[in-house]
Amino acid sequence: MTQLKTGLTRLVLIPSDGGRFEVSVNGKQIYSKLQSGRFPEYSEIEKYLK
């Protein structure tokens, strides 16, 4: 988050259940913990934020 603080205009956290952790950028899902079985590395998310 500290790397993005100047470019980030909105962050929404949506509570869920069942071990779900999904990341979407501009309405498009870019990562799913349910599909991968693990939390993402920052580099996997970073490439979509530029």
N, C-alpha and C. Protein backbone atom coordinates (compact mmCIF):
# COMPACT_ATOMS: atom_id res chain seq x y z
N MET A 1 0.81 -1.19 0.00
CA MET A 1 0.00 0.00 0.00
C MET A 1 0.86 1.26 0.00
N THR A 2 2.00 1.21 0.67
CA THR A 2 2.82 2.42 0.72
C THR A 2 3.35 2.79 -0.66
N GLN A 3 3.59 1.80 -1.52
CA GLN A 3 4.05 2.10 -2.88
C GLN A 3 2.95 2.72 -3.72
N LEU A 4 1.71 2.48 -3.39
CA LEU A 4 0.58 2.93 -4.21
C LEU A 4 -0.13 4.16 -3.67
N LYS A 5 0.27 4.66 -2.52
CA LYS A 5 -0.53 5.69 -1.86
C LYS A 5 -0.75 6.95 -2.68
N THR A 6 0.14 7.30 -3.60
CA THR A 6 -0.09 8.49 -4.40
C THR A 6 -0.96 8.22 -5.62
N GLY A 7 -1.00 6.98 -6.10
CA GLY A 7 -1.79 6.67 -7.28
C GLY A 7 -3.11 6.00 -7.00
N LEU A 8 -3.32 5.58 -5.79
CA LEU A 8 -4.54 4.87 -5.43
C LEU A 8 -5.63 5.88 -5.07
N THR A 9 -6.75 5.81 -5.78
CA THR A 9 -7.84 6.75 -5.50
C THR A 9 -8.99 6.09 -4.75
N ARG A 10 -9.07 4.75 -4.83
CA ARG A 10 -10.17 4.06 -4.17
C ARG A 10 -9.78 2.62 -3.87
N LEU A 11 -10.12 2.18 -2.68
CA LEU A 11 -9.90 0.80 -2.27
C LEU A 11 -11.17 0.33 -1.57
N VAL A 12 -11.69 -0.80 -2.00
CA VAL A 12 -12.92 -1.33 -1.42
C VAL A 12 -12.64 -2.74 -0.90
N LEU A 13 -12.94 -2.97 0.37
CA LEU A 13 -12.84 -4.30 0.96
C LEU A 13 -14.25 -4.84 1.15
N ILE A 14 -14.48 -6.02 0.61
CA ILE A 14 -15.81 -6.62 0.70
C ILE A 14 -15.70 -7.89 1.54
N PRO A 15 -16.35 -7.90 2.70
CA PRO A 15 -16.30 -9.09 3.56
C PRO A 15 -16.84 -10.32 2.84
N SER A 16 -16.24 -11.45 3.15
CA SER A 16 -16.66 -12.69 2.52
C SER A 16 -16.43 -13.84 3.51
N ASP A 17 -16.63 -15.06 3.05
CA ASP A 17 -16.43 -16.22 3.90
C ASP A 17 -15.80 -17.35 3.09
N GLY A 18 -15.51 -18.43 3.74
CA GLY A 18 -15.03 -19.61 3.05
C GLY A 18 -13.61 -19.52 2.54
N GLY A 19 -12.76 -18.65 3.12
CA GLY A 19 -11.38 -18.54 2.69
C GLY A 19 -11.18 -17.76 1.41
N ARG A 20 -12.17 -17.04 1.01
CA ARG A 20 -12.10 -16.27 -0.24
C ARG A 20 -11.22 -15.04 -0.07
N PHE A 21 -10.34 -14.80 -1.02
CA PHE A 21 -9.53 -13.60 -1.08
C PHE A 21 -9.33 -13.32 -2.56
N GLU A 22 -10.07 -12.37 -3.09
CA GLU A 22 -10.01 -12.07 -4.51
C GLU A 22 -9.61 -10.62 -4.71
N VAL A 23 -8.86 -10.38 -5.76
CA VAL A 23 -8.41 -9.02 -6.08
C VAL A 23 -8.95 -8.67 -7.46
N SER A 24 -9.62 -7.51 -7.53
CA SER A 24 -10.13 -7.01 -8.80
C SER A 24 -9.59 -5.61 -9.03
N VAL A 25 -9.31 -5.29 -10.28
CA VAL A 25 -8.87 -3.96 -10.68
C VAL A 25 -9.81 -3.49 -11.78
N ASN A 26 -10.44 -2.34 -11.55
CA ASN A 26 -11.39 -1.79 -12.53
C ASN A 26 -12.48 -2.80 -12.91
N GLY A 27 -12.96 -3.54 -11.91
CA GLY A 27 -14.04 -4.48 -12.14
C GLY A 27 -13.63 -5.83 -12.72
N LYS A 28 -12.34 -6.02 -12.98
CA LYS A 28 -11.86 -7.29 -13.55
C LYS A 28 -11.08 -8.06 -12.49
N GLN A 29 -11.49 -9.30 -12.24
CA GLN A 29 -10.79 -10.12 -11.26
C GLN A 29 -9.42 -10.50 -11.80
N ILE A 30 -8.37 -10.21 -11.02
CA ILE A 30 -7.01 -10.53 -11.45
C ILE A 30 -6.37 -11.61 -10.60
N TYR A 31 -7.00 -11.93 -9.46
CA TYR A 31 -6.43 -12.97 -8.60
C TYR A 31 -7.52 -13.58 -7.73
N SER A 32 -7.43 -14.88 -7.52
CA SER A 32 -8.36 -15.59 -6.65
C SER A 32 -7.60 -16.60 -5.81
N LYS A 33 -7.67 -16.43 -4.50
CA LYS A 33 -7.05 -17.40 -3.58
C LYS A 33 -7.75 -18.75 -3.66
N LEU A 34 -9.05 -18.75 -3.91
CA LEU A 34 -9.77 -20.02 -4.03
C LEU A 34 -9.26 -20.84 -5.21
N GLN A 35 -8.88 -20.16 -6.30
CA GLN A 35 -8.37 -20.88 -7.47
C GLN A 35 -6.92 -21.31 -7.29
N SER A 36 -6.10 -20.42 -6.67
CA SER A 36 -4.67 -20.70 -6.56
C SER A 36 -4.31 -21.49 -5.31
N GLY A 37 -5.13 -21.36 -4.25
CA GLY A 37 -4.83 -22.03 -3.00
C GLY A 37 -3.85 -21.29 -2.11
N ARG A 38 -3.52 -20.05 -2.47
CA ARG A 38 -2.56 -19.27 -1.69
C ARG A 38 -2.84 -17.78 -1.86
N PHE A 39 -2.23 -16.98 -1.00
CA PHE A 39 -2.33 -15.53 -1.15
C PHE A 39 -1.36 -15.09 -2.24
N PRO A 40 -1.67 -13.99 -2.94
CA PRO A 40 -0.80 -13.54 -4.02
C PRO A 40 0.48 -12.89 -3.51
N GLU A 41 1.51 -12.96 -4.32
CA GLU A 41 2.72 -12.18 -4.10
C GLU A 41 2.43 -10.78 -4.63
N TYR A 42 3.08 -9.77 -4.05
CA TYR A 42 2.85 -8.39 -4.49
C TYR A 42 3.11 -8.25 -5.99
N SER A 43 4.14 -8.89 -6.50
CA SER A 43 4.48 -8.76 -7.92
C SER A 43 3.36 -9.26 -8.84
N GLU A 44 2.56 -10.21 -8.36
CA GLU A 44 1.45 -10.71 -9.17
C GLU A 44 0.33 -9.68 -9.31
N ILE A 45 0.21 -8.80 -8.34
CA ILE A 45 -0.82 -7.77 -8.35
C ILE A 45 -0.29 -6.47 -8.95
N GLU A 46 0.95 -6.16 -8.65
CA GLU A 46 1.58 -4.90 -9.06
C GLU A 46 1.48 -4.64 -10.57
N LYS A 47 1.67 -5.66 -11.37
CA LYS A 47 1.68 -5.47 -12.83
C LYS A 47 0.36 -4.94 -13.37
N TYR A 48 -0.73 -5.15 -12.65
CA TYR A 48 -2.04 -4.65 -13.08
C TYR A 48 -2.33 -3.23 -12.62
N LEU A 49 -1.48 -2.69 -11.77
CA LEU A 49 -1.74 -1.38 -11.18
C LEU A 49 -1.01 -0.25 -11.88
N LYS A 50 -0.27 -0.55 -12.91
CA LYS A 50 0.49 0.49 -13.61
C LYS A 50 -0.22 0.94 -14.86
